[in-house]
Amino acid sequence: MKRAVFLDRDGTLIRDAHYLKNPEDIEVIAGVGEALLRIQEAGYGVFLHTNQSGIGRGYFDWEDVRSCNLRMLEMYGLPMDFFDDICIAPELPGDTTGYRKPSSRFETETMGKLELSPSECWMVGDKWVDAETGLSAGMRAALVETGKPIDDEVRSRANASEVSIHPDLPCFASQSLNLRE
């Protein structure tokens, strides 16, 4: 593996549900499972980096998040060990000591451990904090429009930072990675 894609979960891989705790509440996004497979089959490492402050707030626990991740993979028909690594950040907003995005600690540590070049890596998410994470790690970044609405301010920041915006993950895979279906 010489290149990688780091992905946000809520709003990017599945519909954003406020403090998702119950695997039965997961709503998949059309084409995401196939796009994930295309990315992996093209030789990219596939990593998940998700902020889950609901753990820190006591709304749910680690096992709830793991159960949701496994259910998501099951719904997409992917193996339970699909991701090369997963970072679940339980910190509350404003806590800069851990892995909560916009910290790029997970990306930086992973790229260092696997000897990946940041220029060969992407961070993909639905919020500016996701793009900011990738940019601060020296990676390329992309936003998808399947989560929180992208407002004019974020579009302007994305344009100024060369962050691409795509309707969804399948379009990112086709347009930014040149992976055709």
N, C-alpha and C. Protein backbone atom coordinates (compact mmCIF):
# COMPACT_ATOMS: atom_id res chain seq x y z
N MET A 1 0.85 -1.18 0.00
CA MET A 1 0.00 0.00 0.00
C MET A 1 0.89 1.24 0.00
N LYS A 2 0.67 2.10 -0.98
CA LYS A 2 1.44 3.33 -1.07
C LYS A 2 0.56 4.57 -0.97
N ARG A 3 -0.75 4.34 -0.97
CA ARG A 3 -1.68 5.47 -0.93
C ARG A 3 -2.89 5.07 -0.08
N ALA A 4 -3.62 6.08 0.37
CA ALA A 4 -4.72 5.78 1.29
C ALA A 4 -5.83 6.82 1.18
N VAL A 5 -7.02 6.39 1.58
CA VAL A 5 -8.17 7.28 1.72
C VAL A 5 -8.67 7.14 3.16
N PHE A 6 -8.72 8.27 3.85
CA PHE A 6 -9.26 8.34 5.20
C PHE A 6 -10.67 8.90 5.08
N LEU A 7 -11.61 8.27 5.75
CA LEU A 7 -13.02 8.60 5.58
C LEU A 7 -13.70 8.92 6.91
N ASP A 8 -14.53 9.94 6.86
CA ASP A 8 -15.47 10.23 7.94
C ASP A 8 -16.60 9.21 7.82
N ARG A 9 -17.35 8.97 8.89
CA ARG A 9 -18.45 8.01 8.81
C ARG A 9 -19.80 8.70 8.61
N ASP A 10 -20.26 9.45 9.61
CA ASP A 10 -21.61 10.01 9.59
C ASP A 10 -21.72 11.15 8.59
N GLY A 11 -22.60 10.98 7.61
CA GLY A 11 -22.77 11.98 6.57
C GLY A 11 -21.92 11.71 5.34
N THR A 12 -20.99 10.77 5.46
CA THR A 12 -20.10 10.43 4.34
C THR A 12 -20.36 9.00 3.88
N LEU A 13 -20.32 8.06 4.81
CA LEU A 13 -20.56 6.65 4.49
C LEU A 13 -22.00 6.23 4.77
N ILE A 14 -22.62 6.87 5.75
CA ILE A 14 -24.02 6.63 6.08
C ILE A 14 -24.68 7.98 6.35
N ARG A 15 -26.00 7.99 6.32
CA ARG A 15 -26.73 9.22 6.63
C ARG A 15 -26.41 9.65 8.06
N ASP A 16 -26.29 10.95 8.24
CA ASP A 16 -25.97 11.48 9.56
C ASP A 16 -27.20 11.39 10.46
N ALA A 17 -27.07 10.64 11.55
CA ALA A 17 -28.12 10.54 12.55
C ALA A 17 -27.54 11.10 13.85
N HIS A 18 -28.21 12.04 14.44
CA HIS A 18 -27.70 12.71 15.64
C HIS A 18 -27.40 11.69 16.74
N TYR A 19 -26.14 11.59 17.15
CA TYR A 19 -25.70 10.67 18.19
C TYR A 19 -26.19 9.24 17.93
N LEU A 20 -25.80 8.70 16.79
CA LEU A 20 -26.20 7.35 16.39
C LEU A 20 -25.73 6.33 17.43
N LYS A 21 -26.68 5.61 17.98
CA LYS A 21 -26.40 4.59 19.00
C LYS A 21 -26.90 3.22 18.57
N ASN A 22 -28.01 3.20 17.88
CA ASN A 22 -28.68 1.96 17.54
C ASN A 22 -28.36 1.56 16.10
N PRO A 23 -27.76 0.39 15.88
CA PRO A 23 -27.45 -0.05 14.52
C PRO A 23 -28.68 -0.10 13.60
N GLU A 24 -29.86 -0.29 14.18
CA GLU A 24 -31.08 -0.35 13.38
C GLU A 24 -31.45 1.01 12.79
N ASP A 25 -30.85 2.09 13.30
CA ASP A 25 -31.14 3.43 12.80
C ASP A 25 -30.25 3.85 11.63
N ILE A 26 -29.34 2.98 11.22
CA ILE A 26 -28.42 3.32 10.13
C ILE A 26 -29.17 3.38 8.81
N GLU A 27 -28.91 4.44 8.06
CA GLU A 27 -29.42 4.58 6.70
C GLU A 27 -28.23 4.65 5.76
N VAL A 28 -28.15 3.69 4.84
CA VAL A 28 -27.03 3.67 3.90
C VAL A 28 -27.24 4.71 2.81
N ILE A 29 -26.15 5.00 2.11
CA ILE A 29 -26.17 5.94 0.99
C ILE A 29 -25.89 5.14 -0.27
N ALA A 30 -26.73 5.29 -1.27
CA ALA A 30 -26.61 4.51 -2.50
C ALA A 30 -25.21 4.61 -3.10
N GLY A 31 -24.66 3.45 -3.46
CA GLY A 31 -23.39 3.39 -4.17
C GLY A 31 -22.15 3.42 -3.30
N VAL A 32 -22.30 3.67 -2.01
CA VAL A 32 -21.12 3.81 -1.14
C VAL A 32 -20.37 2.48 -1.00
N GLY A 33 -21.07 1.38 -0.81
CA GLY A 33 -20.40 0.09 -0.67
C GLY A 33 -19.56 -0.25 -1.88
N GLU A 34 -20.13 -0.05 -3.06
CA GLU A 34 -19.39 -0.32 -4.30
C GLU A 34 -18.20 0.62 -4.44
N ALA A 35 -18.38 1.88 -4.06
CA ALA A 35 -17.28 2.84 -4.14
C ALA A 35 -16.15 2.45 -3.20
N LEU A 36 -16.48 2.01 -2.00
CA LEU A 36 -15.45 1.57 -1.06
C LEU A 36 -14.66 0.40 -1.64
N LEU A 37 -15.35 -0.54 -2.25
CA LEU A 37 -14.66 -1.68 -2.87
C LEU A 37 -13.75 -1.23 -4.01
N ARG A 38 -14.23 -0.30 -4.84
CA ARG A 38 -13.39 0.20 -5.94
C ARG A 38 -12.14 0.87 -5.41
N ILE A 39 -12.29 1.64 -4.34
CA ILE A 39 -11.14 2.32 -3.75
C ILE A 39 -10.13 1.29 -3.24
N GLN A 40 -10.61 0.30 -2.51
CA GLN A 40 -9.72 -0.73 -1.97
C GLN A 40 -9.07 -1.55 -3.10
N GLU A 41 -9.86 -1.95 -4.08
CA GLU A 41 -9.34 -2.76 -5.18
C GLU A 41 -8.32 -2.01 -6.03
N ALA A 42 -8.36 -0.68 -6.00
CA ALA A 42 -7.39 0.13 -6.73
C ALA A 42 -6.07 0.27 -5.95
N GLY A 43 -6.00 -0.36 -4.79
CA GLY A 43 -4.76 -0.36 -4.03
C GLY A 43 -4.65 0.68 -2.94
N TYR A 44 -5.73 1.36 -2.67
CA TYR A 44 -5.72 2.35 -1.58
C TYR A 44 -5.97 1.65 -0.25
N GLY A 45 -5.25 2.06 0.78
CA GLY A 45 -5.62 1.68 2.12
C GLY A 45 -6.88 2.46 2.46
N VAL A 46 -7.79 1.85 3.20
CA VAL A 46 -9.05 2.51 3.53
C VAL A 46 -9.16 2.59 5.06
N PHE A 47 -9.24 3.82 5.55
CA PHE A 47 -9.23 4.08 6.99
C PHE A 47 -10.47 4.87 7.38
N LEU A 48 -10.98 4.60 8.56
CA LEU A 48 -12.15 5.30 9.09
C LEU A 48 -11.72 6.17 10.26
N HIS A 49 -12.09 7.45 10.23
CA HIS A 49 -11.81 8.39 11.33
C HIS A 49 -13.11 9.09 11.67
N THR A 50 -13.68 8.76 12.81
CA THR A 50 -14.99 9.28 13.17
C THR A 50 -14.99 9.93 14.55
N ASN A 51 -15.49 11.15 14.63
CA ASN A 51 -15.71 11.81 15.91
C ASN A 51 -16.98 11.24 16.53
N GLN A 52 -16.89 10.79 17.76
CA GLN A 52 -18.05 10.22 18.45
C GLN A 52 -18.11 10.77 19.88
N SER A 53 -18.41 12.06 19.97
CA SER A 53 -18.45 12.70 21.29
C SER A 53 -19.57 12.16 22.16
N GLY A 54 -20.50 11.42 21.58
CA GLY A 54 -21.55 10.78 22.38
C GLY A 54 -20.97 9.84 23.43
N ILE A 55 -19.78 9.27 23.15
CA ILE A 55 -19.11 8.43 24.15
C ILE A 55 -18.69 9.32 25.32
N GLY A 56 -18.01 10.41 25.00
CA GLY A 56 -17.54 11.33 26.04
C GLY A 56 -18.67 11.96 26.83
N ARG A 57 -19.81 12.12 26.20
CA ARG A 57 -20.98 12.72 26.87
C ARG A 57 -21.78 11.69 27.66
N GLY A 58 -21.45 10.41 27.48
CA GLY A 58 -22.17 9.35 28.18
C GLY A 58 -23.47 8.95 27.52
N TYR A 59 -23.70 9.35 26.27
CA TYR A 59 -24.94 9.00 25.56
C TYR A 59 -24.92 7.55 25.09
N PHE A 60 -23.73 7.04 24.79
CA PHE A 60 -23.56 5.65 24.38
C PHE A 60 -22.12 5.25 24.67
N ASP A 61 -21.81 3.98 24.44
CA ASP A 61 -20.46 3.50 24.77
C ASP A 61 -19.72 2.99 23.53
N TRP A 62 -18.49 2.55 23.76
CA TRP A 62 -17.63 2.07 22.67
C TRP A 62 -18.30 0.93 21.90
N GLU A 63 -18.94 0.03 22.63
CA GLU A 63 -19.56 -1.12 21.98
C GLU A 63 -20.70 -0.68 21.06
N ASP A 64 -21.44 0.35 21.44
CA ASP A 64 -22.49 0.87 20.57
C ASP A 64 -21.91 1.35 19.25
N VAL A 65 -20.78 2.06 19.31
CA VAL A 65 -20.14 2.57 18.08
C VAL A 65 -19.63 1.41 17.24
N ARG A 66 -18.98 0.45 17.88
CA ARG A 66 -18.48 -0.73 17.14
C ARG A 66 -19.64 -1.47 16.48
N SER A 67 -20.74 -1.63 17.20
CA SER A 67 -21.91 -2.32 16.64
C SER A 67 -22.45 -1.58 15.42
N CYS A 68 -22.48 -0.26 15.49
CA CYS A 68 -22.93 0.53 14.34
C CYS A 68 -21.97 0.38 13.16
N ASN A 69 -20.66 0.39 13.44
CA ASN A 69 -19.68 0.22 12.37
C ASN A 69 -19.85 -1.15 11.70
N LEU A 70 -20.02 -2.19 12.50
CA LEU A 70 -20.18 -3.54 11.95
C LEU A 70 -21.48 -3.65 11.15
N ARG A 71 -22.54 -3.06 11.66
CA ARG A 71 -23.83 -3.10 10.94
C ARG A 71 -23.71 -2.36 9.61
N MET A 72 -23.00 -1.23 9.60
CA MET A 72 -22.79 -0.49 8.35
C MET A 72 -22.08 -1.39 7.33
N LEU A 73 -21.01 -2.05 7.75
CA LEU A 73 -20.27 -2.93 6.83
C LEU A 73 -21.17 -4.06 6.34
N GLU A 74 -21.95 -4.64 7.23
CA GLU A 74 -22.86 -5.71 6.86
C GLU A 74 -23.88 -5.21 5.82
N MET A 75 -24.43 -4.04 6.04
CA MET A 75 -25.43 -3.49 5.11
C MET A 75 -24.84 -3.24 3.73
N TYR A 76 -23.54 -2.94 3.68
CA TYR A 76 -22.88 -2.73 2.39
C TYR A 76 -22.31 -4.03 1.81
N GLY A 77 -22.46 -5.13 2.52
CA GLY A 77 -21.94 -6.41 2.04
C GLY A 77 -20.42 -6.49 2.09
N LEU A 78 -19.82 -5.75 2.99
CA LEU A 78 -18.36 -5.73 3.12
C LEU A 78 -17.93 -6.58 4.31
N PRO A 79 -16.72 -7.14 4.25
CA PRO A 79 -16.25 -7.95 5.38
C PRO A 79 -16.07 -7.09 6.64
N MET A 80 -16.19 -7.73 7.78
CA MET A 80 -16.10 -7.01 9.05
C MET A 80 -14.73 -6.38 9.28
N ASP A 81 -13.71 -6.89 8.59
CA ASP A 81 -12.35 -6.33 8.72
C ASP A 81 -11.98 -5.47 7.52
N PHE A 82 -12.97 -4.86 6.89
CA PHE A 82 -12.74 -4.10 5.66
C PHE A 82 -11.75 -2.96 5.85
N PHE A 83 -11.91 -2.18 6.90
CA PHE A 83 -11.04 -1.02 7.10
C PHE A 83 -9.66 -1.46 7.57
N ASP A 84 -8.64 -0.81 7.03
CA ASP A 84 -7.27 -1.10 7.46
C ASP A 84 -7.05 -0.68 8.91
N ASP A 85 -7.72 0.35 9.34
CA ASP A 85 -7.69 0.78 10.73
C ASP A 85 -8.86 1.73 10.96
N ILE A 86 -9.28 1.82 12.20
CA ILE A 86 -10.39 2.69 12.57
C ILE A 86 -9.98 3.53 13.76
N CYS A 87 -10.25 4.82 13.68
CA CYS A 87 -10.03 5.73 14.81
C CYS A 87 -11.38 6.29 15.23
N ILE A 88 -11.78 5.96 16.44
CA ILE A 88 -13.01 6.49 17.03
C ILE A 88 -12.57 7.52 18.07
N ALA A 89 -12.90 8.78 17.83
CA ALA A 89 -12.49 9.86 18.72
C ALA A 89 -13.64 10.21 19.67
N PRO A 90 -13.52 9.87 20.96
CA PRO A 90 -14.62 10.09 21.91
C PRO A 90 -14.61 11.47 22.56
N GLU A 91 -13.61 12.28 22.24
CA GLU A 91 -13.44 13.56 22.92
C GLU A 91 -14.59 14.52 22.62
N LEU A 92 -14.81 15.42 23.56
CA LEU A 92 -15.82 16.47 23.38
C LEU A 92 -15.26 17.59 22.52
N PRO A 93 -16.13 18.36 21.86
CA PRO A 93 -15.63 19.52 21.11
C PRO A 93 -14.77 20.40 22.00
N GLY A 94 -13.68 20.88 21.44
CA GLY A 94 -12.78 21.74 22.20
C GLY A 94 -11.64 20.99 22.87
N ASP A 95 -11.77 19.68 23.01
CA ASP A 95 -10.71 18.87 23.61
C ASP A 95 -9.65 18.61 22.55
N THR A 96 -8.48 19.16 22.75
CA THR A 96 -7.41 19.04 21.76
C THR A 96 -6.35 18.02 22.17
N THR A 97 -6.64 17.19 23.17
CA THR A 97 -5.64 16.25 23.66
C THR A 97 -5.67 14.90 22.97
N GLY A 98 -6.69 14.61 22.21
CA GLY A 98 -6.83 13.27 21.63
C GLY A 98 -6.84 13.27 20.12
N TYR A 99 -7.77 12.52 19.57
CA TYR A 99 -7.85 12.30 18.13
C TYR A 99 -9.04 12.99 17.47
N ARG A 100 -9.78 13.79 18.22
CA ARG A 100 -10.97 14.44 17.65
C ARG A 100 -10.57 15.36 16.51
N LYS A 101 -11.24 15.17 15.36
CA LYS A 101 -11.01 16.07 14.23
C LYS A 101 -11.43 17.48 14.64
N PRO A 102 -10.66 18.49 14.32
CA PRO A 102 -9.71 18.58 13.21
C PRO A 102 -8.29 18.10 13.50
N SER A 103 -8.06 17.44 14.65
CA SER A 103 -6.73 16.87 14.87
C SER A 103 -6.42 15.87 13.76
N SER A 104 -5.23 15.96 13.21
CA SER A 104 -4.81 15.01 12.18
C SER A 104 -3.84 13.99 12.76
N ARG A 105 -3.89 13.83 14.06
CA ARG A 105 -2.98 12.90 14.74
C ARG A 105 -3.10 11.48 14.19
N PHE A 106 -4.32 10.98 14.00
CA PHE A 106 -4.52 9.63 13.46
C PHE A 106 -3.91 9.51 12.07
N GLU A 107 -4.19 10.47 11.21
CA GLU A 107 -3.67 10.44 9.84
C GLU A 107 -2.14 10.50 9.84
N THR A 108 -1.59 11.42 10.62
CA THR A 108 -0.14 11.59 10.67
C THR A 108 0.54 10.33 11.21
N GLU A 109 0.01 9.78 12.29
CA GLU A 109 0.59 8.55 12.85
C GLU A 109 0.49 7.39 11.86
N THR A 110 -0.65 7.26 11.21
CA THR A 110 -0.85 6.17 10.25
C THR A 110 0.08 6.30 9.06
N MET A 111 0.17 7.51 8.51
CA MET A 111 1.08 7.71 7.37
C MET A 111 2.52 7.43 7.76
N GLY A 112 2.92 7.84 8.96
CA GLY A 112 4.28 7.57 9.43
C GLY A 112 4.55 6.09 9.60
N LYS A 113 3.61 5.40 10.22
CA LYS A 113 3.76 3.97 10.49
C LYS A 113 3.84 3.17 9.18
N LEU A 114 3.04 3.56 8.20
CA LEU A 114 2.97 2.82 6.94
C LEU A 114 3.85 3.42 5.84
N GLU A 115 4.58 4.47 6.19
CA GLU A 115 5.47 5.16 5.25
C GLU A 115 4.72 5.62 3.99
N LEU A 116 3.57 6.25 4.24
CA LEU A 116 2.75 6.79 3.16
C LEU A 116 3.11 8.26 2.94
N SER A 117 3.10 8.67 1.69
CA SER A 117 3.33 10.07 1.37
C SER A 117 2.00 10.82 1.47
N PRO A 118 1.95 11.93 2.20
CA PRO A 118 0.70 12.68 2.30
C PRO A 118 0.12 13.06 0.93
N SER A 119 0.98 13.29 -0.05
CA SER A 119 0.48 13.67 -1.38
C SER A 119 -0.26 12.53 -2.07
N GLU A 120 -0.13 11.31 -1.55
CA GLU A 120 -0.82 10.14 -2.10
C GLU A 120 -2.03 9.74 -1.25
N CYS A 121 -2.40 10.61 -0.33
CA CYS A 121 -3.50 10.29 0.59
C CYS A 121 -4.60 11.34 0.51
N TRP A 122 -5.80 10.91 0.83
CA TRP A 122 -6.99 11.77 0.81
C TRP A 122 -7.71 11.67 2.15
N MET A 123 -8.36 12.75 2.52
CA MET A 123 -9.34 12.76 3.62
C MET A 123 -10.66 13.17 3.00
N VAL A 124 -11.70 12.37 3.22
CA VAL A 124 -13.02 12.64 2.63
C VAL A 124 -14.06 12.69 3.74
N GLY A 125 -14.85 13.75 3.75
CA GLY A 125 -15.92 13.89 4.73
C GLY A 125 -16.99 14.85 4.25
N ASP A 126 -17.94 15.13 5.11
CA ASP A 126 -19.05 16.00 4.73
C ASP A 126 -18.99 17.37 5.40
N LYS A 127 -18.03 17.58 6.30
CA LYS A 127 -17.94 18.86 7.02
C LYS A 127 -16.55 19.46 6.83
N TRP A 128 -16.46 20.77 7.00
CA TRP A 128 -15.17 21.44 6.84
C TRP A 128 -14.13 20.85 7.79
N VAL A 129 -14.53 20.42 8.98
CA VAL A 129 -13.58 19.85 9.93
C VAL A 129 -12.86 18.64 9.33
N ASP A 130 -13.53 17.90 8.46
CA ASP A 130 -12.90 16.75 7.80
C ASP A 130 -11.83 17.22 6.82
N ALA A 131 -12.18 18.21 6.01
CA ALA A 131 -11.20 18.76 5.06
C ALA A 131 -10.02 19.36 5.80
N GLU A 132 -10.32 20.08 6.87
CA GLU A 132 -9.26 20.71 7.68
C GLU A 132 -8.30 19.66 8.23
N THR A 133 -8.84 18.52 8.62
CA THR A 133 -8.01 17.42 9.13
C THR A 133 -7.02 16.96 8.07
N GLY A 134 -7.52 16.71 6.87
CA GLY A 134 -6.64 16.27 5.79
C GLY A 134 -5.61 17.31 5.42
N LEU A 135 -6.05 18.55 5.29
CA LEU A 135 -5.12 19.62 4.90
C LEU A 135 -4.02 19.80 5.93
N SER A 136 -4.36 19.71 7.22
CA SER A 136 -3.33 19.90 8.25
C SER A 136 -2.33 18.75 8.27
N ALA A 137 -2.70 17.60 7.71
CA ALA A 137 -1.78 16.47 7.61
C ALA A 137 -0.99 16.51 6.30
N GLY A 138 -1.25 17.52 5.46
CA GLY A 138 -0.57 17.62 4.18
C GLY A 138 -1.18 16.78 3.08
N MET A 139 -2.38 16.25 3.35
CA MET A 139 -3.07 15.40 2.40
C MET A 139 -3.97 16.23 1.49
N ARG A 140 -4.48 15.58 0.47
CA ARG A 140 -5.54 16.17 -0.33
C ARG A 140 -6.85 15.91 0.40
N ALA A 141 -7.83 16.77 0.15
CA ALA A 141 -9.10 16.63 0.86
C ALA A 141 -10.26 16.83 -0.09
N ALA A 142 -11.37 16.17 0.24
CA ALA A 142 -12.59 16.29 -0.54
C ALA A 142 -13.79 16.28 0.40
N LEU A 143 -14.83 16.96 -0.02
CA LEU A 143 -16.09 16.97 0.71
C LEU A 143 -17.17 16.31 -0.14
N VAL A 144 -18.10 15.64 0.53
CA VAL A 144 -19.26 15.07 -0.15
C VAL A 144 -20.51 15.75 0.38
N GLU A 145 -21.52 15.81 -0.46
CA GLU A 145 -22.75 16.54 -0.12
C GLU A 145 -23.86 15.62 0.39
N THR A 146 -23.49 14.52 1.04
CA THR A 146 -24.48 13.57 1.55
C THR A 146 -24.75 13.75 3.04
N GLY A 147 -24.11 14.74 3.64
CA GLY A 147 -24.30 14.98 5.08
C GLY A 147 -24.86 16.36 5.32
N LYS A 148 -24.18 17.09 6.18
CA LYS A 148 -24.60 18.46 6.48
C LYS A 148 -24.52 19.29 5.20
N PRO A 149 -25.50 20.18 4.97
CA PRO A 149 -25.43 21.04 3.79
C PRO A 149 -24.15 21.87 3.79
N ILE A 150 -23.54 21.97 2.63
CA ILE A 150 -22.31 22.75 2.49
C ILE A 150 -22.70 24.18 2.12
N ASP A 151 -22.43 25.12 3.03
CA ASP A 151 -22.84 26.50 2.81
C ASP A 151 -21.81 27.27 1.97
N ASP A 152 -22.15 28.50 1.64
CA ASP A 152 -21.29 29.32 0.77
C ASP A 152 -19.92 29.56 1.38
N GLU A 153 -19.86 29.75 2.69
CA GLU A 153 -18.57 29.97 3.35
C GLU A 153 -17.65 28.76 3.17
N VAL A 154 -18.20 27.56 3.37
CA VAL A 154 -17.40 26.34 3.22
C VAL A 154 -17.00 26.16 1.75
N ARG A 155 -17.91 26.45 0.84
CA ARG A 155 -17.57 26.35 -0.59
C ARG A 155 -16.42 27.29 -0.94
N SER A 156 -16.45 28.49 -0.39
CA SER A 156 -15.39 29.45 -0.63
C SER A 156 -14.06 28.96 -0.05
N ARG A 157 -14.09 28.44 1.17
CA ARG A 157 -12.88 27.90 1.79
C ARG A 157 -12.36 26.71 0.99
N ALA A 158 -13.26 25.86 0.54
CA ALA A 158 -12.86 24.69 -0.25
C ALA A 158 -12.19 25.13 -1.54
N ASN A 159 -12.78 26.10 -2.21
CA ASN A 159 -12.22 26.60 -3.46
C ASN A 159 -10.83 27.19 -3.24
N ALA A 160 -10.67 27.96 -2.18
CA ALA A 160 -9.38 28.59 -1.87
C ALA A 160 -8.32 27.57 -1.46
N SER A 161 -8.75 26.43 -0.94
CA SER A 161 -7.83 25.40 -0.44
C SER A 161 -7.67 24.22 -1.40
N GLU A 162 -8.28 24.31 -2.57
CA GLU A 162 -8.26 23.22 -3.56
C GLU A 162 -8.86 21.93 -2.99
N VAL A 163 -9.92 22.09 -2.22
CA VAL A 163 -10.67 20.95 -1.70
C VAL A 163 -11.83 20.72 -2.66
N SER A 164 -11.89 19.52 -3.24
CA SER A 164 -12.96 19.24 -4.19
C SER A 164 -14.25 18.91 -3.45
N ILE A 165 -15.37 19.19 -4.11
CA ILE A 165 -16.69 18.90 -3.55
C ILE A 165 -17.42 18.00 -4.54
N HIS A 166 -17.98 16.91 -4.01
CA HIS A 166 -18.65 15.92 -4.85
C HIS A 166 -20.04 15.62 -4.28
N PRO A 167 -20.98 15.21 -5.13
CA PRO A 167 -22.30 14.86 -4.62
C PRO A 167 -22.27 13.73 -3.59
N ASP A 168 -21.36 12.75 -3.78
CA ASP A 168 -21.31 11.60 -2.89
C ASP A 168 -19.98 10.88 -3.06
N LEU A 169 -19.77 9.82 -2.28
CA LEU A 169 -18.51 9.07 -2.34
C LEU A 169 -18.29 8.40 -3.70
N PRO A 170 -19.31 7.82 -4.33
CA PRO A 170 -19.06 7.25 -5.66
C PRO A 170 -18.54 8.30 -6.66
N CYS A 171 -19.06 9.51 -6.59
CA CYS A 171 -18.57 10.57 -7.49
C CYS A 171 -17.14 10.95 -7.13
N PHE A 172 -16.81 11.00 -5.84
CA PHE A 172 -15.41 11.26 -5.45
C PHE A 172 -14.50 10.20 -6.06
N ALA A 173 -14.88 8.93 -5.93
CA ALA A 173 -14.04 7.84 -6.45
C ALA A 173 -13.86 7.97 -7.96
N SER A 174 -14.92 8.33 -8.66
CA SER A 174 -14.83 8.48 -10.12
C SER A 174 -14.06 9.72 -10.53
N GLN A 175 -14.35 10.85 -9.89
CA GLN A 175 -13.80 12.13 -10.33
C GLN A 175 -12.41 12.41 -9.79
N SER A 176 -12.16 12.14 -8.52
CA SER A 176 -10.86 12.47 -7.93
C SER A 176 -9.85 11.33 -8.04
N LEU A 177 -10.33 10.10 -7.98
CA LEU A 177 -9.42 8.95 -8.06
C LEU A 177 -9.43 8.29 -9.43
N ASN A 178 -10.29 8.76 -10.33
CA ASN A 178 -10.43 8.19 -11.68
C ASN A 178 -10.77 6.71 -11.65
N LEU A 179 -11.59 6.31 -10.70
CA LEU A 179 -12.02 4.92 -10.60
C LEU A 179 -13.42 4.80 -11.18
N ARG A 180 -13.52 4.23 -12.32
CA ARG A 180 -14.81 4.07 -13.00
C ARG A 180 -15.50 2.80 -12.53
N GLU A 181 -16.82 2.83 -12.59
CA GLU A 181 -17.61 1.65 -12.19
C GLU A 181 -17.44 0.53 -13.19
